[in-house]
C-alpha atoms as a PDB file:
ATOM      1  CA  MET A   1      86.814   3.177  37.435  1.00  0.00           C
ATOM      2  CA  LYS A   2      83.709   1.016  37.790  1.00  0.00           C
ATOM      3  CA  LYS A   3      84.997  -1.393  35.156  1.00  0.00           C
ATOM      4  CA  TYR A   4      88.303  -1.773  37.005  1.00  0.00           C
ATOM      5  CA  ILE A   5      86.625  -2.544  40.320  1.00  0.00           C
ATOM      6  CA  PHE A   6      84.213  -5.013  38.735  1.00  0.00           C
ATOM      7  CA  THR A   7      87.012  -6.824  36.891  1.00  0.00           C
ATOM      8  CA  PHE A   8      89.174  -7.007  40.014  1.00  0.00           C
ATOM      9  CA  THR A   9      86.259  -8.423  42.023  1.00  0.00           C
ATOM     10  CA  MET A  10      85.561 -11.047  39.391  1.00  0.00           C
ATOM     11  CA  LEU A  11      89.194 -12.126  39.453  1.00  0.00           C
ATOM     12  CA  CYS A  12      89.114 -12.435  43.232  1.00  0.00           C
ATOM     13  CA  VAL A  13      85.879 -14.415  43.301  1.00  0.00           C
ATOM     14  CA  PHE A  14      86.341 -17.224  40.805  1.00  0.00           C
ATOM     15  CA  ALA A  15      87.330 -20.045  39.868  1.00  0.00           C
ATOM     16  CA  PHE A  16      88.260 -23.675  39.817  1.00  0.00           C
ATOM     17  CA  VAL A  17      89.203 -24.224  36.153  1.00  0.00           C
ATOM     18  CA  LYS A  18      88.871 -27.695  34.733  1.00  0.00           C
ATOM     19  CA  ALA A  19      92.435 -27.784  33.440  1.00  0.00           C
ATOM     20  CA  GLN A  20      95.547 -25.696  33.854  1.00  0.00           C
ATOM     21  CA  GLN A  21      96.144 -25.560  30.109  1.00  0.00           C
ATOM     22  CA  PRO A  22      94.588 -22.607  28.192  1.00  0.00           C
ATOM     23  CA  ILE A  23      91.090 -23.429  27.011  1.00  0.00           C
ATOM     24  CA  PRO A  24      90.249 -22.454  23.403  1.00  0.00           C
ATOM     25  CA  LEU A  25      87.142 -20.256  23.370  1.00  0.00           C
ATOM     26  CA  ASP A  26      84.306 -20.590  20.891  1.00  0.00           C
ATOM     27  CA  THR A  27      83.292 -17.517  18.891  1.00  0.00           C
ATOM     28  CA  ILE A  28      79.777 -16.065  18.802  1.00  0.00           C
ATOM     29  CA  TYR A  29      78.804 -13.622  16.051  1.00  0.00           C
ATOM     30  CA  ALA A  30      76.240 -10.831  16.425  1.00  0.00           C
ATOM     31  CA  ASN A  31      75.121  -7.575  14.783  1.00  0.00           C
ATOM     32  CA  ASP A  32      72.765  -4.632  15.368  1.00  0.00           C
ATOM     33  CA  GLN A  33      69.951  -5.912  13.164  1.00  0.00           C
ATOM     34  CA  LYS A  34      69.012  -9.162  14.909  1.00  0.00           C
ATOM     35  CA  ASN A  35      68.967 -10.649  18.388  1.00  0.00           C
ATOM     36  CA  VAL A  36      71.263 -13.645  18.908  1.00  0.00           C
ATOM     37  CA  SER A  37      69.799 -15.947  21.591  1.00  0.00           C
ATOM     38  CA  LEU A  38      72.070 -17.827  23.999  1.00  0.00           C
ATOM     39  CA  PHE A  39      70.554 -20.715  26.008  1.00  0.00           C
ATOM     40  CA  PHE A  40      72.337 -22.107  29.089  1.00  0.00           C
ATOM     41  CA  PRO A  41      71.794 -25.279  31.159  1.00  0.00           C
ATOM     42  CA  GLU A  42      71.052 -23.230  34.320  1.00  0.00           C
ATOM     43  CA  PRO A  43      69.507 -19.776  34.849  1.00  0.00           C
ATOM     44  CA  ILE A  44      71.849 -16.814  34.280  1.00  0.00           C
ATOM     45  CA  ARG A  45      72.982 -15.032  37.428  1.00  0.00           C
ATOM     46  CA  GLN A  46      75.514 -12.691  35.836  1.00  0.00           C
ATOM     47  CA  GLY A  47      76.723 -11.745  32.366  1.00  0.00           C
ATOM     48  CA  VAL A  48      79.173  -9.099  31.156  1.00  0.00           C
ATOM     49  CA  THR A  49      80.904  -8.136  27.915  1.00  0.00           C
ATOM     50  CA  GLY A  50      84.373  -6.633  27.671  1.00  0.00           C
ATOM     51  CA  SER A  51      83.479  -3.826  25.257  1.00  0.00           C
ATOM     52  CA  ASP A  52      80.654  -1.295  24.908  1.00  0.00           C
ATOM     53  CA  ASN A  53      79.957  -2.249  21.281  1.00  0.00           C
ATOM     54  CA  PHE A  54      78.531  -5.556  22.574  1.00  0.00           C
ATOM     55  CA  VAL A  55      75.380  -5.694  24.710  1.00  0.00           C
ATOM     56  CA  PHE A  56      74.255  -8.852  26.500  1.00  0.00           C
ATOM     57  CA  THR A  57      70.799  -8.568  28.059  1.00  0.00           C
ATOM     58  CA  TYR A  58      69.158 -11.020  30.444  1.00  0.00           C
ATOM     59  CA  ASN A  59      66.486 -10.909  33.117  1.00  0.00           C
ATOM     60  CA  ARG A  60      68.137  -9.581  36.273  1.00  0.00           C
ATOM     61  CA  ASP A  61      64.967  -9.682  38.357  1.00  0.00           C
ATOM     62  CA  LYS A  62      63.833 -13.212  37.566  1.00  0.00           C
ATOM     63  CA  GLU A  63      66.570 -15.657  36.587  1.00  0.00           C
ATOM     64  CA  GLN A  64      66.007 -17.259  33.170  1.00  0.00           C
ATOM     65  CA  TYR A  65      67.913 -19.720  31.008  1.00  0.00           C
ATOM     66  CA  PHE A  66      68.565 -17.407  28.040  1.00  0.00           C
ATOM     67  CA  GLY A  67      70.074 -14.029  27.172  1.00  0.00           C
ATOM     68  CA  LEU A  68      70.239 -11.863  24.038  1.00  0.00           C
ATOM     69  CA  LEU A  69      73.402 -10.577  22.367  1.00  0.00           C
ATOM     70  CA  GLN A  70      73.688  -7.628  19.975  1.00  0.00           C
ATOM     71  CA  ALA A  71      76.714  -5.809  18.566  1.00  0.00           C
ATOM     72  CA  THR A  72      77.777  -2.723  16.648  1.00  0.00           C
ATOM     73  CA  PRO A  73      80.829  -2.633  14.346  1.00  0.00           C
ATOM     74  CA  GLY A  74      84.127  -2.688  16.234  1.00  0.00           C
ATOM     75  CA  LYS A  75      86.918  -4.890  17.510  1.00  0.00           C
ATOM     76  CA  GLU A  76      86.220  -8.346  18.875  1.00  0.00           C
ATOM     77  CA  SER A  77      85.659  -8.755  22.617  1.00  0.00           C
ATOM     78  CA  ASN A  78      84.644 -11.419  25.118  1.00  0.00           C
ATOM     79  CA  LEU A  79      81.500 -12.503  26.956  1.00  0.00           C
ATOM     80  CA  LEU A  80      81.533 -13.958  30.474  1.00  0.00           C
ATOM     81  CA  VAL A  81      78.397 -15.656  31.862  1.00  0.00           C
ATOM     82  CA  ILE A  82      77.900 -17.203  35.294  1.00  0.00           C
ATOM     83  CA  ASN A  83      74.952 -19.529  35.932  1.00  0.00           C
ATOM     84  CA  ARG A  84      72.994 -19.809  39.165  1.00  0.00           C
ATOM     85  CA  ASN A  85      74.963 -22.913  40.154  1.00  0.00           C
ATOM     86  CA  GLY A  86      78.289 -21.066  39.725  1.00  0.00           C
ATOM     87  CA  ALA A  87      79.224 -22.585  36.337  1.00  0.00           C
ATOM     88  CA  ILE A  88      81.357 -20.188  34.259  1.00  0.00           C
ATOM     89  CA  PHE A  89      81.040 -19.795  30.484  1.00  0.00           C
ATOM     90  CA  SER A  90      83.423 -17.682  28.393  1.00  0.00           C
ATOM     91  CA  TYR A  91      83.304 -16.848  24.669  1.00  0.00           C
ATOM     92  CA  ILE A  92      84.882 -14.606  22.056  1.00  0.00           C
ATOM     93  CA  VAL A  93      82.286 -12.261  20.507  1.00  0.00           C
ATOM     94  CA  ARG A  94      82.617 -10.613  17.096  1.00  0.00           C
ATOM     95  CA  TYR A  95      80.531  -8.330  14.915  1.00  0.00           C
ATOM     96  CA  LYS A  96      79.366  -9.855  11.627  1.00  0.00           C
ATOM     97  CA  GLU A  97      77.090  -8.121   9.143  1.00  0.00           C
ATOM     98  CA  GLN A  98      75.471 -11.324   7.869  1.00  0.00           C
ATOM     99  CA  LEU A  99      74.577 -13.965  10.453  1.00  0.00           C
ATOM    100  CA  SER A 100      74.152 -17.650   9.638  1.00  0.00           C
ATOM    101  CA  LYS A 101      73.264 -18.632  13.217  1.00  0.00           C
ATOM    102  CA  LEU A 102      70.812 -16.878  15.553  1.00  0.00           C
ATOM    103  CA  ASN A 103      70.457 -19.443  18.382  1.00  0.00           C
ATOM    104  CA  TYR A 104      73.173 -21.059  20.521  1.00  0.00           C
ATOM    105  CA  PHE A 105      72.483 -23.894  22.967  1.00  0.00           C
ATOM    106  CA  PHE A 106      75.141 -24.679  25.581  1.00  0.00           C
ATOM    107  CA  THR A 107      75.483 -27.723  27.809  1.00  0.00           C
ATOM    108  CA  SER A 108      77.155 -28.049  31.196  1.00  0.00           C
ATOM    109  CA  THR A 109      80.220 -29.513  29.470  1.00  0.00           C
ATOM    110  CA  SER A 110      80.784 -26.122  27.794  1.00  0.00           C
ATOM    111  CA  SER A 111      81.618 -24.591  31.175  1.00  0.00           C
ATOM    112  CA  ILE A 112      85.268 -23.622  31.691  1.00  0.00           C
ATOM    113  CA  GLY A 113      85.012 -23.946  35.478  1.00  0.00           C
ATOM    114  CA  ASN A 114      83.092 -23.050  38.609  1.00  0.00           C
ATOM    115  CA  GLU A 115      83.340 -19.981  40.806  1.00  0.00           C
ATOM    116  CA  LYS A 116      84.601 -20.059  44.370  1.00  0.00           C
ATOM    117  CA  SER A 117      83.394 -17.403  46.815  1.00  0.00           C
ATOM    118  CA  ILE A 118      85.796 -15.832  49.256  1.00  0.00           C
ATOM    119  CA  SER A 119      84.132 -15.144  52.600  1.00  0.00           C
ATOM    120  CA  ASP A 120      86.368 -12.254  53.658  1.00  0.00           C
ATOM    121  CA  LEU A 121      85.604 -10.091  50.596  1.00  0.00           C
ATOM    122  CA  PRO A 122      83.648  -6.905  51.433  1.00  0.00           C
ATOM    123  CA  VAL A 123      79.958  -7.518  50.773  1.00  0.00           C
ATOM    124  CA  GLU A 124      77.622  -4.818  49.468  1.00  0.00           C
ATOM    125  CA  SER A 125      73.993  -4.757  50.491  1.00  0.00           C
ATOM    126  CA  LYS A 126      71.504  -6.131  47.981  1.00  0.00           C
ATOM    127  CA  GLU A 127      70.065  -2.656  47.411  1.00  0.00           C
ATOM    128  CA  GLU A 128      73.521  -1.159  46.702  1.00  0.00           C
ATOM    129  CA  GLU A 129      74.466  -4.044  44.419  1.00  0.00           C
ATOM    130  CA  LYS A 130      71.192  -3.777  42.513  1.00  0.00           C
ATOM    131  CA  SER A 131      71.623  -0.015  42.114  1.00  0.00           C
ATOM    132  CA  ILE A 132      75.171  -0.412  40.759  1.00  0.00           C
ATOM    133  CA  ASP A 133      74.106  -3.197  38.396  1.00  0.00           C
ATOM    134  CA  LYS A 134      71.171  -1.154  37.120  1.00  0.00           C
ATOM    135  CA  SER A 135      73.234   1.973  36.463  1.00  0.00           C
ATOM    136  CA  ASP A 136      75.897  -0.013  34.638  1.00  0.00           C
ATOM    137  CA  TYR A 137      73.248  -1.819  32.606  1.00  0.00           C
ATOM    138  CA  TYR A 138      71.468   1.438  31.726  1.00  0.00           C
ATOM    139  CA  LEU A 139      74.762   3.011  30.635  1.00  0.00           C
ATOM    140  CA  ARG A 140      75.639   0.117  28.352  1.00  0.00           C
ATOM    141  CA  ALA A 141      72.140   0.015  26.856  1.00  0.00           C
ATOM    142  CA  CYS A 142      72.086   3.796  26.299  1.00  0.00           C
ATOM    143  CA  ASN A 143      75.512   3.791  24.647  1.00  0.00           C
ATOM    144  CA  TYR A 144      74.304   1.053  22.344  1.00  0.00           C
ATOM    145  CA  LEU A 145      71.089   2.893  21.430  1.00  0.00           C
ATOM    146  CA  VAL A 146      72.873   6.204  20.808  1.00  0.00           C
ATOM    147  CA  GLY A 147      75.425   4.510  18.572  1.00  0.00           C
ATOM    148  CA  ARG A 148      73.071   2.407  16.466  1.00  0.00           C
ATOM    149  CA  LYS A 149      71.071   3.452  13.420  1.00  0.00           C
ATOM    150  CA  GLN A 150      67.434   3.986  14.357  1.00  0.00           C
ATOM    151  CA  ASN A 151      64.963   2.009  12.254  1.00  0.00           C
ATOM    152  CA  SER A 152      61.716   3.741  13.171  1.00  0.00           C
ATOM    153  CA  LYS A 153      60.464   7.031  11.746  1.00  0.00           C
ATOM    154  CA  SER A 154      61.098   9.815  14.230  1.00  0.00           C
ATOM    155  CA  LEU A 155      58.539  12.187  15.720  1.00  0.00           C
ATOM    156  CA  GLN A 156      59.541  15.814  15.236  1.00  0.00           C
ATOM    157  CA  LYS A 157      58.716  19.363  16.298  1.00  0.00           C
ATOM    158  CA  ARG A 158      60.419  22.419  14.746  1.00  0.00           C
ATOM    159  CA  TYR A 159      60.564  26.027  15.882  1.00  0.00           C
ATOM    160  CA  GLU A 160      62.980  28.856  15.125  1.00  0.00           C
ATOM    161  CA  GLY A 161      65.762  26.581  13.870  1.00  0.00           C
ATOM    162  CA  ILE A 162      65.457  24.070  16.730  1.00  0.00           C
ATOM    163  CA  VAL A 163      64.359  20.515  15.886  1.00  0.00           C
ATOM    164  CA  LEU A 164      63.230  18.237  18.727  1.00  0.00           C
ATOM    165  CA  SER A 165      62.846  14.563  17.791  1.00  0.00           C
ATOM    166  CA  ILE A 166      62.025  11.243  19.414  1.00  0.00           C
ATOM    167  CA  GLU A 167      63.901   8.837  17.172  1.00  0.00           C
ATOM    168  CA  ASN A 168      62.867   5.633  18.886  1.00  0.00           C
ATOM    169  CA  ILE A 169      61.055   4.191  21.905  1.00  0.00           C
ATOM    170  CA  VAL A 170      62.502   0.848  22.995  1.00  0.00           C
ATOM    171  CA  PHE A 171      61.050  -1.522  25.602  1.00  0.00           C
ATOM    172  CA  ASP A 172      63.427  -3.638  27.669  1.00  0.00           C
ATOM    173  CA  LYS A 173      62.603  -5.483  30.909  1.00  0.00           C
ATOM    174  CA  ASP A 174      60.496  -3.014  32.923  1.00  0.00           C
ATOM    175  CA  GLU A 175      61.745   0.176  31.301  1.00  0.00           C
ATOM    176  CA  LEU A 176      61.098   2.344  28.249  1.00  0.00           C
ATOM    177  CA  TYR A 177      64.108   3.912  26.542  1.00  0.00           C
ATOM    178  CA  PHE A 178      63.373   7.204  24.736  1.00  0.00           C
ATOM    179  CA  VAL A 179      66.048   8.022  22.135  1.00  0.00           C
ATOM    180  CA  ILE A 180      65.875  11.820  21.790  1.00  0.00           C
ATOM    181  CA  GLN A 181      67.639  14.183  19.397  1.00  0.00           C
ATOM    182  CA  ILE A 182      67.973  17.979  19.491  1.00  0.00           C
ATOM    183  CA  LYS A 183      69.263  19.701  16.358  1.00  0.00           C
ATOM    184  CA  ASN A 184      70.200  23.379  16.293  1.00  0.00           C
ATOM    185  CA  THR A 185      70.086  24.706  12.730  1.00  0.00           C
ATOM    186  CA  SER A 186      70.038  28.343  13.849  1.00  0.00           C
ATOM    187  CA  THR A 187      72.966  30.759  14.174  1.00  0.00           C
ATOM    188  CA  LEU A 188      72.543  31.061  17.956  1.00  0.00           C
ATOM    189  CA  ASP A 189      73.594  28.584  20.614  1.00  0.00           C
ATOM    190  CA  TYR A 190      70.722  26.947  22.493  1.00  0.00           C
ATOM    191  CA  ASP A 191      71.015  26.884  26.303  1.00  0.00           C
ATOM    192  CA  LEU A 192      68.830  24.142  27.709  1.00  0.00           C
ATOM    193  CA  ASN A 193      66.737  24.969  30.785  1.00  0.00           C
ATOM    194  CA  PHE A 194      64.886  21.656  31.007  1.00  0.00           C
ATOM    195  CA  LEU A 195      63.768  18.721  28.874  1.00  0.00           C
ATOM    196  CA  ASP A 196      60.957  16.868  30.633  1.00  0.00           C
ATOM    197  CA  LEU A 197      58.390  14.242  29.778  1.00  0.00           C
ATOM    198  CA  PHE A 198      54.789  14.543  30.983  1.00  0.00           C
ATOM    199  CA  VAL A 199      51.642  12.462  30.660  1.00  0.00           C
ATOM    200  CA  GLN A 200      48.752  14.693  29.673  1.00  0.00           C
ATOM    201  CA  THR A 201      45.088  13.845  30.288  1.00  0.00           C
ATOM    202  CA  ARG A 202      42.193  15.684  28.687  1.00  0.00           C
ATOM    203  CA  GLN A 203      39.338  16.152  31.158  1.00  0.00           C
ATOM    204  CA  LYS A 204      35.881  15.748  29.634  1.00  0.00           C
ATOM    205  CA  GLY A 205      32.853  17.910  30.357  1.00  0.00           C
ATOM    206  CA  LYS A 206      31.652  21.424  29.649  1.00  0.00           C
ATOM    207  CA  LYS A 207      34.848  22.953  30.976  1.00  0.00           C
ATOM    208  CA  LYS A 208      37.582  20.960  29.308  1.00  0.00           C
ATOM    209  CA  SER A 209      41.014  21.157  30.913  1.00  0.00           C
ATOM    210  CA  LEU A 210      44.378  19.450  30.723  1.00  0.00           C
ATOM    211  CA  GLN A 211      46.154  17.733  33.589  1.00  0.00           C
ATOM    212  CA  ARG A 212      49.857  16.896  33.394  1.00  0.00           C
ATOM    213  CA  VAL A 213      51.863  14.437  35.440  1.00  0.00           C
ATOM    214  CA  TYR A 214      55.671  14.601  35.348  1.00  0.00           C
ATOM    215  CA  GLN A 215      57.433  11.329  34.483  1.00  0.00           C
ATOM    216  CA  LYS A 216      60.706  11.146  36.400  1.00  0.00           C
ATOM    217  CA  PRO A 217      63.483   9.294  34.525  1.00  0.00           C
ATOM    218  CA  LEU A 218      65.321   6.432  36.171  1.00  0.00           C
ATOM    219  CA  PHE A 219      68.432   7.306  34.174  1.00  0.00           C
ATOM    220  CA  VAL A 220      69.443  10.112  31.782  1.00  0.00           C
ATOM    221  CA  HIS A 221      72.290   9.655  29.303  1.00  0.00           C
ATOM    222  CA  ASN A 222      74.150  12.412  27.444  1.00  0.00           C
ATOM    223  CA  ARG A 223      71.738  15.305  28.155  1.00  0.00           C
ATOM    224  CA  PRO A 224      73.571  18.572  27.286  1.00  0.00           C
ATOM    225  CA  THR A 225      73.374  22.004  28.868  1.00  0.00           C
ATOM    226  CA  ARG A 226      74.071  23.755  25.562  1.00  0.00           C
ATOM    227  CA  ILE A 227      73.619  22.883  21.882  1.00  0.00           C
ATOM    228  CA  ALA A 228      75.918  24.997  19.737  1.00  0.00           C
ATOM    229  CA  GLU A 229      74.863  26.385  16.363  1.00  0.00           C
ATOM    230  CA  ASN A 230      74.681  23.668  13.693  1.00  0.00           C
ATOM    231  CA  GLU A 231      75.181  20.991  16.361  1.00  0.00           C
ATOM    232  CA  THR A 232      73.119  17.818  16.815  1.00  0.00           C
ATOM    233  CA  VAL A 233      72.950  16.014  20.160  1.00  0.00           C
ATOM    234  CA  ARG A 234      71.431  12.607  20.882  1.00  0.00           C
ATOM    235  CA  MET A 235      70.480  11.394  24.353  1.00  0.00           C
ATOM    236  CA  VAL A 236      68.444   8.655  26.058  1.00  0.00           C
ATOM    237  CA  TYR A 237      65.856   8.889  28.834  1.00  0.00           C
ATOM    238  CA  VAL A 238      65.122   5.658  30.734  1.00  0.00           C
ATOM    239  CA  LEU A 239      61.675   5.613  32.353  1.00  0.00           C
ATOM    240  CA  PRO A 240      59.637   3.002  34.193  1.00  0.00           C
ATOM    241  CA  LYS A 241      57.356   1.137  31.805  1.00  0.00           C
ATOM    242  CA  PHE A 242      53.910   2.734  31.442  1.00  0.00           C
ATOM    243  CA  SER A 243      50.961   2.605  29.042  1.00  0.00           C
ATOM    244  CA  LEU A 244      48.354   5.172  28.021  1.00  0.00           C
ATOM    245  CA  SER A 245      44.631   5.091  27.318  1.00  0.00           C
ATOM    246  CA  LYS A 246      43.180   6.799  24.233  1.00  0.00           C
ATOM    247  CA  ASP A 247      42.368   9.997  26.131  1.00  0.00           C
ATOM    248  CA  ARG A 248      45.974  10.449  27.290  1.00  0.00           C
ATOM    249  CA  ARG A 249      49.222  11.271  25.524  1.00  0.00           C
ATOM    250  CA  ALA A 250      52.856  11.909  26.378  1.00  0.00           C
ATOM    251  CA  VAL A 251      54.356  15.366  25.905  1.00  0.00           C
ATOM    252  CA  LEU A 252      58.102  16.007  25.635  1.00  0.00           C
ATOM    253  CA  GLU A 253      58.742  19.641  26.551  1.00  0.00           C
ATOM    254  CA  LEU A 254      61.962  21.479  25.689  1.00  0.00           C
ATOM    255  CA  ASN A 255      62.559  24.830  27.408  1.00  0.00           C
ATOM    256  CA  GLU A 256      65.294  27.376  26.668  1.00  0.00           C
ATOM    257  CA  SER A 257      67.164  29.302  29.362  1.00  0.00           C
ATOM    258  CA  ASN A 258      66.811  33.064  28.883  1.00  0.00           C
ATOM    259  CA  GLY A 259      64.989  32.563  25.607  1.00  0.00           C
ATOM    260  CA  GLU A 260      61.659  31.776  24.004  1.00  0.00           C
ATOM    261  CA  ARG A 261      62.504  28.906  21.659  1.00  0.00           C
ATOM    262  CA  ASN A 262      60.339  26.429  23.560  1.00  0.00           C
ATOM    263  CA  LEU A 263      58.905  23.275  21.973  1.00  0.00           C
ATOM    264  CA  LYS A 264      56.288  20.690  22.954  1.00  0.00           C
ATOM    265  CA  LEU A 265      56.361  17.372  21.122  1.00  0.00           C
ATOM    266  CA  LYS A 266      53.120  15.413  21.561  1.00  0.00           C
ATOM    267  CA  VAL A 267      53.319  11.625  21.438  1.00  0.00           C
ATOM    268  CA  SER A 268      50.207   9.527  20.831  1.00  0.00           C
ATOM    269  CA  HIS A 269      49.330   6.612  23.104  1.00  0.00           C
ATOM    270  CA  LYS A 270      49.919   4.345  20.071  1.00  0.00           C
ATOM    271  CA  TYR A 271      53.684   5.016  20.165  1.00  0.00           C
ATOM    272  CA  ILE A 272      53.924   4.483  23.929  1.00  0.00           C
ATOM    273  CA  ASN A 273      51.883   1.260  23.925  1.00  0.00           C
ATOM    274  CA  ASN A 274      53.736  -0.236  20.946  1.00  0.00           C
ATOM    275  CA  PRO A 275      57.475   0.341  21.486  1.00  0.00           C
ATOM    276  CA  LYS A 276      60.133  -1.556  19.557  1.00  0.00           C
END
C-alpha cells in the first residue's frame, strides 16, 4: 500500500518534461559485491528504485552529490532521482555479475525534466515524512541484507539444538544493522519469548559486578514468534550507531517461552567498532 501511495504522489507532483516524445533511458549495472557510485550535478533530495532487489542509498540528513547502488539477481527495474533544484533523472537498472564500470558522473543535460509542485496537495509534517522515509528505507535495506550472501564469519552460540548467530554487522548512515540467524536443529519447536541486545560493562574493584543497558532497536525486520524444528530464520535489528570501550561488550540474549533453552551470545567491542 505504501508503494502505491508513494507512486501516486510522485505522479501528481512532477514534471515538465523536455520533450513530448519518449526519452530513451540509459542503463546502469550493479551487483551485490561492489558499490556503484552515482554523482549528480546537484545534491540528491530523493531517490527510489522500482524493485526490492535494487537498493539506492544516499544521505537523507545532509544532502550530498552522490549515492550508492547495489543489486541482487532479479529482473531489471528503474531508478528515479530528484536533485535539490528539482531536476529529475531516470535510468534503467540491471543486475550484472561482472562490472566494467563502478562510477557514473551525470551532468544537468542528463535530466529528463523538472518537477512542479502542486500547492493543494495534502502536506505531511516534516516529522511524519521523515518517519515514513526512514521506515521505508530500513525495510528496503533489511530485505537486501537478508537476501544477500554474508561475507563475514558469523559469531555463534549453541545450546540444546538451538544455534544463535550474528552473521554480519553493517554500518550505514547513523545506524548499525545486525543480521541475526536462529537455527533450530532439535525435534521441538522453539517459541521465542524475547531476543534483546544489551551493552554489558564489567565494574572493576574488589567486588566485581556486571551492569547491562538495553539497546532499543529503531527497526526490527522478520523477527519470528516460533522457529519450527529444522527451520532457520534470518532477521535484522537496526540500532542507533554506538561504539564500545575495551571493558564493555555487547550481549545478544535469546530467551525461550515456557522453556529453558536460553542463549547469550557475547560480542567483543572489536566487532562493534569495526562493522562492514
